[in-house]
N, C-alpha and C. Protein backbone atom coordinates (compact mmCIF):
# COMPACT_ATOMS: atom_id res chain seq x y z
N MET A 1 50.74 -85.93 52.89
CA MET A 1 50.22 -84.56 52.81
C MET A 1 48.87 -84.49 53.50
N ASN A 2 48.60 -83.38 54.20
CA ASN A 2 47.33 -83.24 54.93
C ASN A 2 46.25 -82.69 54.01
N GLU A 3 45.10 -83.36 53.98
CA GLU A 3 43.98 -82.90 53.18
C GLU A 3 43.30 -81.74 53.90
N THR A 4 42.68 -80.85 53.17
CA THR A 4 41.98 -79.73 53.76
C THR A 4 40.51 -79.83 53.44
N PRO A 5 39.65 -79.28 54.32
CA PRO A 5 38.21 -79.31 54.04
C PRO A 5 37.88 -78.60 52.73
N ASN A 6 38.59 -77.51 52.41
CA ASN A 6 38.29 -76.76 51.20
C ASN A 6 38.50 -77.60 49.95
N ARG A 7 39.58 -78.37 49.92
CA ARG A 7 39.86 -79.20 48.74
C ARG A 7 38.78 -80.26 48.56
N ALA A 8 38.42 -80.91 49.65
CA ALA A 8 37.38 -81.95 49.59
C ALA A 8 36.04 -81.34 49.17
N LEU A 9 35.74 -80.17 49.70
CA LEU A 9 34.45 -79.53 49.40
C LEU A 9 34.36 -79.10 47.95
N VAL A 10 35.41 -78.45 47.44
CA VAL A 10 35.40 -77.99 46.05
C VAL A 10 35.25 -79.18 45.10
N GLY A 11 35.99 -80.24 45.36
CA GLY A 11 35.87 -81.43 44.51
C GLY A 11 34.48 -82.02 44.56
N GLY A 12 33.92 -82.12 45.74
CA GLY A 12 32.57 -82.67 45.89
C GLY A 12 31.52 -81.82 45.19
N LEU A 13 31.65 -80.51 45.30
CA LEU A 13 30.69 -79.61 44.66
C LEU A 13 30.74 -79.74 43.14
N LEU A 14 31.95 -79.79 42.58
CA LEU A 14 32.08 -79.92 41.13
C LEU A 14 31.53 -81.24 40.62
N LEU A 15 31.81 -82.32 41.35
CA LEU A 15 31.31 -83.63 40.94
C LEU A 15 29.78 -83.69 41.03
N SER A 16 29.23 -83.11 42.09
CA SER A 16 27.78 -83.09 42.24
C SER A 16 27.13 -82.29 41.11
N PHE A 17 27.71 -81.15 40.78
CA PHE A 17 27.22 -80.31 39.69
C PHE A 17 27.20 -81.08 38.37
N LEU A 18 28.32 -81.74 38.05
CA LEU A 18 28.44 -82.44 36.78
C LEU A 18 27.52 -83.66 36.71
N ALA A 19 27.44 -84.43 37.81
CA ALA A 19 26.58 -85.61 37.80
C ALA A 19 25.12 -85.23 37.59
N SER A 20 24.71 -84.13 38.19
CA SER A 20 23.33 -83.68 38.01
C SER A 20 23.07 -83.27 36.57
N ALA A 21 24.04 -82.57 35.97
CA ALA A 21 23.89 -82.15 34.57
C ALA A 21 23.82 -83.35 33.64
N VAL A 22 24.61 -84.38 33.92
CA VAL A 22 24.55 -85.61 33.12
C VAL A 22 23.19 -86.29 33.27
N ASN A 23 22.72 -86.37 34.49
CA ASN A 23 21.45 -87.05 34.75
C ASN A 23 20.30 -86.38 34.00
N VAL A 24 20.33 -85.06 33.95
CA VAL A 24 19.27 -84.31 33.28
C VAL A 24 19.17 -84.69 31.80
N GLN A 25 20.31 -84.95 31.18
CA GLN A 25 20.29 -85.29 29.75
C GLN A 25 19.44 -86.53 29.49
N PHE A 26 19.56 -87.52 30.36
CA PHE A 26 18.81 -88.76 30.17
C PHE A 26 17.36 -88.63 30.65
N LEU A 27 17.14 -87.80 31.65
CA LEU A 27 15.76 -87.56 32.08
C LEU A 27 14.96 -86.87 30.97
N LEU A 28 15.59 -85.91 30.31
CA LEU A 28 14.88 -85.14 29.28
C LEU A 28 14.75 -85.91 27.96
N SER A 29 15.73 -86.77 27.65
CA SER A 29 15.68 -87.47 26.37
C SER A 29 14.99 -88.83 26.45
N LEU A 30 15.19 -89.55 27.56
CA LEU A 30 14.64 -90.91 27.68
C LEU A 30 13.72 -91.09 28.89
N GLY A 31 13.65 -90.11 29.76
CA GLY A 31 12.85 -90.26 30.98
C GLY A 31 13.48 -91.22 31.97
N THR A 32 14.79 -91.42 31.86
CA THR A 32 15.50 -92.38 32.70
C THR A 32 16.57 -91.68 33.50
N SER A 33 16.63 -91.96 34.79
CA SER A 33 17.71 -91.44 35.62
C SER A 33 18.91 -92.37 35.55
N VAL A 34 20.10 -91.80 35.55
CA VAL A 34 21.32 -92.62 35.56
C VAL A 34 22.16 -92.37 36.81
N SER A 35 21.76 -91.42 37.64
CA SER A 35 22.58 -91.10 38.81
C SER A 35 21.94 -91.51 40.13
N HIS A 36 20.67 -91.86 40.12
CA HIS A 36 20.02 -92.37 41.33
C HIS A 36 18.93 -93.36 40.89
N LEU A 37 18.73 -94.41 41.69
CA LEU A 37 17.97 -95.55 41.19
C LEU A 37 16.75 -95.93 42.02
N THR A 38 16.45 -95.21 43.07
CA THR A 38 15.31 -95.58 43.91
C THR A 38 14.01 -95.61 43.11
N GLY A 39 13.77 -94.53 42.37
CA GLY A 39 12.56 -94.49 41.56
C GLY A 39 12.58 -95.51 40.45
N ASP A 40 13.76 -95.75 39.87
CA ASP A 40 13.87 -96.74 38.79
C ASP A 40 13.49 -98.14 39.27
N VAL A 41 13.98 -98.51 40.45
CA VAL A 41 13.65 -99.83 41.00
C VAL A 41 12.15 -99.96 41.22
N SER A 42 11.53 -98.91 41.73
CA SER A 42 10.08 -98.93 41.96
C SER A 42 9.32 -99.08 40.64
N ARG A 43 9.79 -98.38 39.61
CA ARG A 43 9.11 -98.45 38.32
C ARG A 43 9.28 -99.81 37.67
N ILE A 44 10.47 -100.42 37.82
CA ILE A 44 10.70 -101.74 37.26
C ILE A 44 9.81 -102.78 37.92
N THR A 45 9.75 -102.77 39.22
CA THR A 45 8.95 -103.77 39.94
C THR A 45 7.46 -103.57 39.72
N SER A 46 7.02 -102.32 39.66
CA SER A 46 5.60 -102.07 39.40
C SER A 46 5.22 -102.50 38.00
N ASP A 47 6.14 -102.33 37.05
CA ASP A 47 5.89 -102.74 35.67
C ASP A 47 5.70 -104.25 35.57
N ALA A 48 6.43 -105.00 36.41
CA ALA A 48 6.30 -106.46 36.41
C ALA A 48 4.90 -106.90 36.83
N ILE A 49 4.25 -106.10 37.68
CA ILE A 49 2.88 -106.42 38.13
C ILE A 49 1.86 -105.95 37.09
N ILE A 50 2.07 -104.74 36.57
CA ILE A 50 1.11 -104.17 35.62
C ILE A 50 1.14 -104.92 34.29
N ARG A 51 2.34 -105.40 33.90
CA ARG A 51 2.50 -106.09 32.62
C ARG A 51 2.99 -107.52 32.87
N PRO A 52 2.13 -108.41 33.30
CA PRO A 52 2.58 -109.77 33.63
C PRO A 52 3.10 -110.56 32.42
N THR A 53 2.81 -110.09 31.22
CA THR A 53 3.26 -110.82 30.03
C THR A 53 4.69 -110.44 29.62
N GLY A 54 5.23 -109.40 30.24
CA GLY A 54 6.60 -108.99 29.90
C GLY A 54 6.85 -107.53 30.20
N TRP A 55 8.10 -107.18 30.43
CA TRP A 55 8.45 -105.81 30.73
C TRP A 55 8.32 -104.92 29.50
N SER A 56 8.00 -103.66 29.75
CA SER A 56 7.96 -102.67 28.68
C SER A 56 9.38 -102.28 28.31
N ASN A 57 9.53 -101.60 27.17
CA ASN A 57 10.85 -101.13 26.76
C ASN A 57 11.43 -100.17 27.79
N GLU A 58 10.56 -99.35 28.38
CA GLU A 58 11.03 -98.41 29.41
C GLU A 58 11.62 -99.16 30.59
N ALA A 59 10.94 -100.23 31.02
CA ALA A 59 11.44 -101.01 32.15
C ALA A 59 12.78 -101.67 31.82
N LYS A 60 12.94 -102.10 30.58
CA LYS A 60 14.20 -102.72 30.17
C LYS A 60 15.34 -101.71 30.20
N ILE A 61 15.07 -100.48 29.78
CA ILE A 61 16.09 -99.43 29.84
C ILE A 61 16.44 -99.12 31.28
N LEU A 62 15.42 -99.07 32.14
CA LEU A 62 15.67 -98.82 33.55
C LEU A 62 16.49 -99.96 34.17
N GLY A 63 16.23 -101.17 33.72
CA GLY A 63 17.00 -102.30 34.21
C GLY A 63 18.46 -102.20 33.81
N MET A 64 18.73 -101.70 32.61
CA MET A 64 20.11 -101.50 32.18
C MET A 64 20.78 -100.41 33.00
N ALA A 65 20.01 -99.39 33.37
CA ALA A 65 20.57 -98.34 34.23
C ALA A 65 20.96 -98.92 35.59
N LEU A 66 20.11 -99.78 36.11
CA LEU A 66 20.38 -100.41 37.40
C LEU A 66 21.65 -101.26 37.33
N LEU A 67 21.76 -102.08 36.29
CA LEU A 67 22.93 -102.94 36.13
C LEU A 67 24.20 -102.11 35.90
N GLY A 68 24.07 -101.05 35.12
CA GLY A 68 25.22 -100.20 34.86
C GLY A 68 25.74 -99.53 36.12
N PHE A 69 24.83 -99.01 36.93
CA PHE A 69 25.22 -98.34 38.18
C PHE A 69 25.95 -99.32 39.10
N LEU A 70 25.40 -100.53 39.20
CA LEU A 70 26.02 -101.56 40.04
C LEU A 70 27.40 -101.94 39.51
N ALA A 71 27.51 -102.07 38.19
CA ALA A 71 28.79 -102.43 37.58
C ALA A 71 29.83 -101.34 37.83
N GLY A 72 29.44 -100.08 37.70
CA GLY A 72 30.37 -98.98 37.93
C GLY A 72 30.83 -98.91 39.38
N ALA A 73 29.90 -99.09 40.30
CA ALA A 73 30.26 -99.07 41.72
C ALA A 73 31.17 -100.23 42.07
N THR A 74 30.91 -101.39 41.46
CA THR A 74 31.75 -102.57 41.71
C THR A 74 33.17 -102.33 41.19
N ALA A 75 33.28 -101.75 40.00
CA ALA A 75 34.60 -101.45 39.43
C ALA A 75 35.37 -100.49 40.32
N CYS A 76 34.68 -99.48 40.83
CA CYS A 76 35.33 -98.52 41.71
C CYS A 76 35.80 -99.19 42.99
N GLY A 77 34.95 -100.04 43.56
CA GLY A 77 35.33 -100.74 44.78
C GLY A 77 36.53 -101.63 44.57
N TYR A 78 36.65 -102.20 43.40
CA TYR A 78 37.76 -103.11 43.12
C TYR A 78 39.07 -102.35 42.85
N PHE A 79 38.98 -101.28 42.06
CA PHE A 79 40.20 -100.62 41.61
C PHE A 79 40.64 -99.43 42.47
N VAL A 80 39.68 -98.74 43.11
CA VAL A 80 40.00 -97.44 43.69
C VAL A 80 39.71 -97.33 45.17
N HIS A 81 38.58 -97.83 45.60
CA HIS A 81 37.97 -97.37 46.83
C HIS A 81 38.87 -97.45 48.06
N HIS A 82 38.78 -96.41 48.84
CA HIS A 82 39.43 -96.34 50.14
C HIS A 82 38.43 -95.66 51.07
N PRO A 83 38.24 -96.17 52.29
CA PRO A 83 37.17 -95.65 53.14
C PRO A 83 37.35 -94.22 53.63
N ARG A 84 38.55 -93.69 53.52
CA ARG A 84 38.77 -92.32 53.95
C ARG A 84 39.43 -91.51 52.84
N LEU A 85 39.19 -90.20 52.88
CA LEU A 85 39.76 -89.31 51.89
C LEU A 85 41.28 -89.39 51.95
N SER A 86 41.90 -89.67 50.82
CA SER A 86 43.34 -89.81 50.78
C SER A 86 43.90 -89.17 49.52
N PHE A 87 44.84 -88.29 49.70
CA PHE A 87 45.45 -87.59 48.56
C PHE A 87 46.13 -88.57 47.61
N HIS A 88 46.51 -89.72 48.12
CA HIS A 88 47.27 -90.67 47.30
C HIS A 88 46.38 -91.54 46.41
N GLN A 89 45.07 -91.51 46.60
CA GLN A 89 44.19 -92.30 45.75
C GLN A 89 44.10 -91.69 44.34
N PRO A 90 43.90 -92.52 43.31
CA PRO A 90 43.91 -92.02 41.92
C PRO A 90 42.60 -91.35 41.52
N TYR A 91 42.21 -90.31 42.24
CA TYR A 91 40.96 -89.63 41.93
C TYR A 91 41.01 -88.96 40.56
N GLY A 92 42.16 -88.37 40.22
CA GLY A 92 42.27 -87.70 38.93
C GLY A 92 42.05 -88.64 37.77
N ARG A 93 42.71 -89.79 37.79
CA ARG A 93 42.53 -90.77 36.73
C ARG A 93 41.11 -91.31 36.71
N SER A 94 40.51 -91.46 37.88
CA SER A 94 39.14 -91.97 37.95
C SER A 94 38.16 -91.00 37.32
N ILE A 95 38.32 -89.72 37.63
CA ILE A 95 37.42 -88.71 37.06
C ILE A 95 37.65 -88.58 35.57
N ALA A 96 38.91 -88.67 35.14
CA ALA A 96 39.20 -88.64 33.70
C ALA A 96 38.55 -89.83 32.99
N ALA A 97 38.57 -90.99 33.63
CA ALA A 97 37.94 -92.18 33.04
C ALA A 97 36.43 -91.99 32.91
N ILE A 98 35.82 -91.35 33.88
CA ILE A 98 34.40 -91.03 33.79
C ILE A 98 34.15 -90.13 32.58
N GLY A 99 35.03 -89.14 32.39
CA GLY A 99 34.89 -88.25 31.25
C GLY A 99 35.00 -88.97 29.93
N ILE A 100 35.97 -89.87 29.82
CA ILE A 100 36.14 -90.64 28.58
C ILE A 100 34.90 -91.49 28.31
N THR A 101 34.35 -92.08 29.36
CA THR A 101 33.14 -92.88 29.21
C THR A 101 31.98 -92.04 28.68
N LEU A 102 31.82 -90.85 29.24
CA LEU A 102 30.71 -89.98 28.80
C LEU A 102 30.92 -89.48 27.38
N ILE A 103 32.17 -89.23 27.00
CA ILE A 103 32.44 -88.85 25.61
C ILE A 103 32.05 -89.99 24.68
N LEU A 104 32.38 -91.21 25.07
CA LEU A 104 31.98 -92.39 24.28
C LEU A 104 30.45 -92.49 24.20
N VAL A 105 29.78 -92.25 25.33
CA VAL A 105 28.32 -92.30 25.37
C VAL A 105 27.72 -91.27 24.41
N SER A 106 28.33 -90.09 24.35
CA SER A 106 27.80 -89.04 23.47
C SER A 106 27.82 -89.46 22.01
N GLN A 107 28.74 -90.35 21.66
CA GLN A 107 28.86 -90.78 20.27
C GLN A 107 27.94 -91.96 19.93
N ILE A 108 27.71 -92.85 20.90
CA ILE A 108 26.95 -94.06 20.59
C ILE A 108 25.50 -94.00 21.07
N SER A 109 25.20 -93.09 21.99
CA SER A 109 23.86 -93.07 22.56
C SER A 109 22.75 -92.80 21.55
N PRO A 110 22.95 -91.89 20.57
CA PRO A 110 21.86 -91.65 19.61
C PRO A 110 21.44 -92.91 18.85
N ALA A 111 22.40 -93.76 18.52
CA ALA A 111 22.08 -94.99 17.78
C ALA A 111 21.77 -96.15 18.69
N PHE A 112 22.40 -96.19 19.85
CA PHE A 112 22.23 -97.31 20.79
C PHE A 112 21.93 -96.77 22.19
N PRO A 113 20.71 -96.26 22.40
CA PRO A 113 20.40 -95.61 23.67
C PRO A 113 20.51 -96.53 24.88
N VAL A 114 20.21 -97.82 24.72
CA VAL A 114 20.29 -98.74 25.85
C VAL A 114 21.73 -98.89 26.34
N ILE A 115 22.66 -99.01 25.37
CA ILE A 115 24.07 -99.10 25.73
C ILE A 115 24.54 -97.79 26.35
N GLY A 116 24.05 -96.67 25.81
CA GLY A 116 24.40 -95.37 26.37
C GLY A 116 23.95 -95.23 27.81
N VAL A 117 22.72 -95.69 28.11
CA VAL A 117 22.21 -95.65 29.48
C VAL A 117 23.07 -96.50 30.40
N PHE A 118 23.43 -97.69 29.93
CA PHE A 118 24.26 -98.59 30.75
C PHE A 118 25.60 -97.94 31.09
N LEU A 119 26.28 -97.37 30.08
CA LEU A 119 27.59 -96.78 30.30
C LEU A 119 27.52 -95.52 31.16
N ALA A 120 26.51 -94.69 30.91
CA ALA A 120 26.36 -93.47 31.72
C ALA A 120 26.05 -93.82 33.17
N SER A 121 25.20 -94.82 33.38
CA SER A 121 24.90 -95.26 34.74
C SER A 121 26.15 -95.84 35.42
N ALA A 122 26.94 -96.58 34.64
CA ALA A 122 28.19 -97.12 35.18
C ALA A 122 29.12 -95.99 35.61
N ALA A 123 29.18 -94.93 34.81
CA ALA A 123 30.01 -93.78 35.17
C ALA A 123 29.53 -93.13 36.47
N CYS A 124 28.21 -93.00 36.61
CA CYS A 124 27.66 -92.41 37.83
C CYS A 124 27.86 -93.34 39.03
N GLY A 125 27.68 -94.64 38.81
CA GLY A 125 27.91 -95.59 39.90
C GLY A 125 29.35 -95.55 40.36
N PHE A 126 30.27 -95.44 39.41
CA PHE A 126 31.69 -95.33 39.73
C PHE A 126 31.95 -94.07 40.55
N GLN A 127 31.37 -92.95 40.10
CA GLN A 127 31.56 -91.69 40.83
C GLN A 127 30.98 -91.77 42.23
N ASN A 128 29.78 -92.32 42.37
CA ASN A 128 29.16 -92.38 43.69
C ASN A 128 29.96 -93.26 44.64
N ALA A 129 30.59 -94.30 44.10
CA ALA A 129 31.40 -95.18 44.94
C ALA A 129 32.71 -94.53 45.35
N LEU A 130 33.07 -93.42 44.71
CA LEU A 130 34.24 -92.67 45.14
C LEU A 130 33.99 -91.94 46.45
N ALA A 131 32.74 -91.95 46.91
CA ALA A 131 32.39 -91.26 48.15
C ALA A 131 33.34 -91.67 49.27
N THR A 132 33.84 -90.67 49.94
CA THR A 132 34.79 -90.91 51.01
C THR A 132 34.32 -90.25 52.29
N ARG A 133 34.90 -90.68 53.38
CA ARG A 133 34.59 -90.08 54.68
C ARG A 133 35.61 -89.00 54.99
N TYR A 134 35.09 -87.83 55.32
CA TYR A 134 35.98 -86.76 55.78
C TYR A 134 35.48 -86.29 57.14
N LYS A 135 36.26 -86.60 58.20
CA LYS A 135 35.90 -86.24 59.56
C LYS A 135 34.49 -86.72 59.91
N GLY A 136 34.19 -87.95 59.51
CA GLY A 136 32.91 -88.56 59.84
C GLY A 136 31.79 -88.23 58.88
N LEU A 137 32.06 -87.40 57.88
CA LEU A 137 31.02 -86.97 56.93
C LEU A 137 31.20 -87.72 55.62
N VAL A 138 30.12 -88.36 55.13
CA VAL A 138 30.18 -89.07 53.86
C VAL A 138 29.86 -88.10 52.73
N LEU A 139 30.76 -87.99 51.76
CA LEU A 139 30.58 -87.09 50.63
C LEU A 139 30.01 -87.87 49.46
N ARG A 140 28.69 -87.75 49.23
CA ARG A 140 28.02 -88.37 48.10
C ARG A 140 27.78 -87.31 47.05
N THR A 141 27.93 -87.68 45.78
CA THR A 141 27.90 -86.64 44.75
C THR A 141 26.98 -86.93 43.56
N THR A 142 26.14 -87.97 43.64
CA THR A 142 25.28 -88.25 42.47
C THR A 142 23.79 -88.15 42.77
N HIS A 143 23.40 -87.96 44.01
CA HIS A 143 21.98 -87.82 44.33
C HIS A 143 21.84 -87.10 45.66
N VAL A 144 20.64 -86.62 45.94
CA VAL A 144 20.45 -85.77 47.12
C VAL A 144 19.67 -86.44 48.25
N THR A 145 19.17 -87.65 48.04
CA THR A 145 18.36 -88.29 49.08
C THR A 145 19.13 -88.42 50.39
N GLY A 146 20.34 -88.98 50.30
CA GLY A 146 21.15 -89.13 51.50
C GLY A 146 21.56 -87.80 52.10
N LEU A 147 21.82 -86.81 51.21
CA LEU A 147 22.19 -85.48 51.69
C LEU A 147 21.06 -84.84 52.49
N LEU A 148 19.84 -84.92 51.96
CA LEU A 148 18.70 -84.34 52.67
C LEU A 148 18.45 -85.07 54.00
N THR A 149 18.66 -86.38 53.99
CA THR A 149 18.51 -87.15 55.22
C THR A 149 19.51 -86.67 56.27
N ASP A 150 20.77 -86.51 55.85
CA ASP A 150 21.81 -86.05 56.78
C ASP A 150 21.54 -84.64 57.28
N ILE A 151 21.09 -83.76 56.36
CA ILE A 151 20.78 -82.39 56.77
C ILE A 151 19.69 -82.38 57.82
N GLY A 152 18.61 -83.12 57.55
CA GLY A 152 17.50 -83.16 58.50
C GLY A 152 17.90 -83.79 59.83
N GLN A 153 18.63 -84.89 59.75
CA GLN A 153 19.02 -85.59 60.98
C GLN A 153 19.94 -84.71 61.84
N MET A 154 20.96 -84.13 61.21
CA MET A 154 21.90 -83.32 61.98
C MET A 154 21.26 -82.04 62.51
N THR A 155 20.36 -81.45 61.71
CA THR A 155 19.66 -80.25 62.18
C THR A 155 18.78 -80.58 63.39
N GLY A 156 18.07 -81.71 63.30
CA GLY A 156 17.24 -82.13 64.43
C GLY A 156 18.06 -82.43 65.67
N MET A 157 19.19 -83.09 65.50
CA MET A 157 20.06 -83.39 66.64
C MET A 157 20.61 -82.12 67.27
N ARG A 158 20.97 -81.16 66.43
CA ARG A 158 21.49 -79.90 66.95
C ARG A 158 20.41 -79.14 67.72
N CYS A 159 19.19 -79.15 67.17
CA CYS A 159 18.08 -78.49 67.87
C CYS A 159 17.79 -79.16 69.21
N ALA A 160 18.06 -80.46 69.28
CA ALA A 160 17.83 -81.19 70.52
C ALA A 160 18.97 -81.03 71.52
N GLY A 161 20.00 -80.27 71.14
CA GLY A 161 21.08 -79.99 72.06
C GLY A 161 22.33 -80.83 71.88
N HIS A 162 22.34 -81.68 70.86
CA HIS A 162 23.53 -82.49 70.62
C HIS A 162 24.64 -81.64 69.98
N SER A 163 25.86 -82.06 70.16
CA SER A 163 27.01 -81.32 69.65
C SER A 163 27.26 -81.69 68.19
N ILE A 164 26.65 -80.95 67.30
CA ILE A 164 26.84 -81.15 65.86
C ILE A 164 27.52 -79.90 65.30
N GLU A 165 28.68 -80.09 64.69
CA GLU A 165 29.41 -78.94 64.14
C GLU A 165 28.65 -78.35 62.96
N PRO A 166 28.44 -77.03 62.95
CA PRO A 166 27.65 -76.41 61.87
C PRO A 166 28.21 -76.67 60.48
N TRP A 167 29.55 -76.79 60.34
CA TRP A 167 30.13 -76.95 59.01
C TRP A 167 29.66 -78.24 58.35
N LYS A 168 29.33 -79.26 59.15
CA LYS A 168 28.87 -80.52 58.56
C LYS A 168 27.53 -80.34 57.87
N ILE A 169 26.67 -79.54 58.45
CA ILE A 169 25.37 -79.25 57.83
C ILE A 169 25.56 -78.36 56.60
N ILE A 170 26.44 -77.37 56.73
CA ILE A 170 26.68 -76.44 55.62
C ILE A 170 27.23 -77.17 54.40
N VAL A 171 28.15 -78.11 54.61
CA VAL A 171 28.72 -78.87 53.49
C VAL A 171 27.63 -79.62 52.74
N GLN A 172 26.73 -80.27 53.47
CA GLN A 172 25.66 -81.03 52.82
C GLN A 172 24.70 -80.11 52.07
N ILE A 173 24.42 -78.95 52.63
CA ILE A 173 23.56 -77.98 51.96
C ILE A 173 24.20 -77.50 50.66
N LEU A 174 25.50 -77.23 50.71
CA LEU A 174 26.20 -76.77 49.52
C LEU A 174 26.20 -77.83 48.42
N LEU A 175 26.31 -79.09 48.81
CA LEU A 175 26.25 -80.17 47.82
C LEU A 175 24.88 -80.23 47.15
N VAL A 176 23.83 -80.02 47.93
CA VAL A 176 22.47 -79.99 47.36
C VAL A 176 22.33 -78.82 46.39
N VAL A 177 22.83 -77.66 46.79
CA VAL A 177 22.78 -76.48 45.91
C VAL A 177 23.54 -76.74 44.61
N ALA A 178 24.71 -77.38 44.71
CA ALA A 178 25.49 -77.70 43.52
C ALA A 178 24.71 -78.63 42.61
N PHE A 179 24.01 -79.59 43.19
CA PHE A 179 23.21 -80.53 42.39
C PHE A 179 22.08 -79.78 41.67
N ILE A 180 21.44 -78.85 42.36
CA ILE A 180 20.37 -78.07 41.74
C ILE A 180 20.91 -77.21 40.59
N LEU A 181 22.04 -76.55 40.84
CA LEU A 181 22.64 -75.73 39.79
C LEU A 181 23.07 -76.58 38.60
N GLY A 182 23.56 -77.79 38.89
CA GLY A 182 23.94 -78.69 37.80
C GLY A 182 22.74 -79.08 36.95
N ALA A 183 21.60 -79.29 37.60
CA ALA A 183 20.39 -79.63 36.85
C ALA A 183 19.96 -78.47 35.94
N LEU A 184 20.08 -77.25 36.46
CA LEU A 184 19.74 -76.07 35.65
C LEU A 184 20.69 -75.95 34.45
N ALA A 185 21.98 -76.15 34.71
CA ALA A 185 22.96 -76.06 33.63
C ALA A 185 22.75 -77.19 32.62
N GLY A 186 22.41 -78.38 33.10
CA GLY A 186 22.17 -79.50 32.21
C GLY A 186 20.97 -79.27 31.31
N ALA A 187 19.92 -78.68 31.88
CA ALA A 187 18.74 -78.37 31.06
C ALA A 187 19.07 -77.32 30.01
N ALA A 188 19.87 -76.33 30.39
CA ALA A 188 20.27 -75.29 29.42
C ALA A 188 21.11 -75.90 28.30
N LEU A 189 22.02 -76.81 28.66
CA LEU A 189 22.82 -77.48 27.64
C LEU A 189 21.96 -78.31 26.70
N HIS A 190 20.93 -78.94 27.25
CA HIS A 190 20.05 -79.79 26.45
C HIS A 190 19.31 -78.97 25.39
N LEU A 191 19.05 -77.72 25.69
CA LEU A 191 18.29 -76.87 24.77
C LEU A 191 19.16 -76.23 23.69
N GLN A 192 20.49 -76.20 23.93
CA GLN A 192 21.35 -75.53 22.94
C GLN A 192 21.67 -76.51 21.80
N PRO A 193 21.66 -76.01 20.55
CA PRO A 193 21.85 -76.90 19.39
C PRO A 193 23.30 -76.99 18.91
N ILE A 194 24.23 -76.40 19.65
CA ILE A 194 25.60 -76.26 19.13
C ILE A 194 26.37 -77.57 19.17
N ALA A 195 26.37 -78.26 20.32
CA ALA A 195 27.17 -79.47 20.47
C ALA A 195 26.46 -80.44 21.39
N SER A 196 26.91 -81.68 21.38
CA SER A 196 26.33 -82.69 22.25
C SER A 196 26.58 -82.33 23.72
N PRO A 197 25.53 -82.23 24.54
CA PRO A 197 25.73 -81.93 25.96
C PRO A 197 26.63 -82.94 26.66
N LEU A 198 26.48 -84.22 26.33
CA LEU A 198 27.31 -85.23 26.98
C LEU A 198 28.77 -85.11 26.55
N LEU A 199 29.00 -84.67 25.32
CA LEU A 199 30.37 -84.44 24.86
C LEU A 199 31.00 -83.30 25.67
N ILE A 200 30.24 -82.24 25.90
CA ILE A 200 30.73 -81.11 26.69
C ILE A 200 31.00 -81.54 28.12
N LEU A 201 30.06 -82.25 28.73
CA LEU A 201 30.20 -82.66 30.13
C LEU A 201 31.34 -83.67 30.28
N GLY A 202 31.44 -84.60 29.33
CA GLY A 202 32.53 -85.56 29.38
C GLY A 202 33.88 -84.88 29.28
N THR A 203 33.97 -83.86 28.42
CA THR A 203 35.22 -83.11 28.28
C THR A 203 35.57 -82.38 29.57
N LEU A 204 34.56 -81.86 30.25
CA LEU A 204 34.80 -81.20 31.54
C LEU A 204 35.33 -82.18 32.58
N TYR A 205 34.72 -83.37 32.63
CA TYR A 205 35.22 -84.41 33.53
C TYR A 205 36.68 -84.74 33.19
N LEU A 206 36.95 -84.97 31.92
CA LEU A 206 38.29 -85.36 31.49
C LEU A 206 39.31 -84.27 31.83
N THR A 207 38.94 -83.03 31.56
CA THR A 207 39.84 -81.92 31.85
C THR A 207 40.10 -81.80 33.35
N GLY A 208 39.01 -81.91 34.14
CA GLY A 208 39.16 -81.81 35.59
C GLY A 208 40.02 -82.93 36.15
N GLY A 209 39.84 -84.14 35.64
CA GLY A 209 40.64 -85.26 36.11
C GLY A 209 42.11 -85.08 35.78
N CYS A 210 42.40 -84.61 34.57
CA CYS A 210 43.79 -84.39 34.18
C CYS A 210 44.43 -83.27 35.01
N LEU A 211 43.67 -82.20 35.25
CA LEU A 211 44.20 -81.10 36.06
C LEU A 211 44.49 -81.55 37.48
N TRP A 212 43.58 -82.38 38.03
CA TRP A 212 43.82 -82.87 39.39
C TRP A 212 45.07 -83.74 39.45
N SER A 213 45.26 -84.58 38.45
CA SER A 213 46.46 -85.43 38.43
C SER A 213 47.72 -84.60 38.33
N LEU A 214 47.69 -83.54 37.50
CA LEU A 214 48.85 -82.66 37.38
C LEU A 214 49.10 -81.92 38.69
N LEU A 215 48.03 -81.46 39.32
CA LEU A 215 48.18 -80.75 40.59
C LEU A 215 48.74 -81.68 41.66
N LYS A 216 48.22 -82.89 41.70
CA LYS A 216 48.71 -83.87 42.67
C LYS A 216 50.19 -84.17 42.45
N HIS A 217 50.58 -84.33 41.19
CA HIS A 217 51.98 -84.62 40.88
C HIS A 217 52.88 -83.45 41.29
N GLY A 218 52.40 -82.22 41.02
CA GLY A 218 53.19 -81.05 41.38
C GLY A 218 53.33 -80.89 42.89
N LEU A 219 52.24 -81.11 43.61
CA LEU A 219 52.29 -80.98 45.07
C LEU A 219 53.14 -82.06 45.70
N ALA A 220 53.09 -83.26 45.11
CA ALA A 220 53.87 -84.37 45.66
C ALA A 220 55.37 -84.10 45.54
N GLN A 221 55.77 -83.34 44.50
CA GLN A 221 57.18 -83.07 44.29
C GLN A 221 57.67 -81.82 45.01
N SER A 222 56.71 -81.01 45.48
CA SER A 222 57.08 -79.76 46.13
C SER A 222 57.49 -79.97 47.58
């Protein structure tokens, strides 16, 4: 079956939105990012210099986030990864597994925050490793550093007269917008007292993964 840009874009936007909302929960509650690690690595290494007698508790939590992200990306590379977007890859089951992990995190994180950080980072690392190439464009969905780099680079190349298709820039911009909207939604969820934000977000992941699997099964038989 032929993949379409719209399908890839919608999936990428939803994943970017959800990953940002998840990340906000840990930033607001623990001051720790679980979806991007550049700042975490800097803070861990600087802590080793500032505190030569031992790492602070914050640095230890950041270290668990780093290990979790790496573990999740490794698991994805082993079980799922394919270098190009393919309808036959088990994306639905993968996204559902991320949802189940986040639902588990919502239950254990209040009592065991370090384990919660590790599992949530693993979920984000797994999602980020799902990044695929579509017509030469890498779809990353857990952080915006690479997206902003691509936007700037392609915009500069286009201004210099190189042949850069506008849709490639637009897709990256839309992913950034989705990440920003996800952060806003995540902050709003964090402030509401009704239910665990991670339970809600995990359920959304699980539902989306199941729906994708059903859609894939239906299309494959049609």
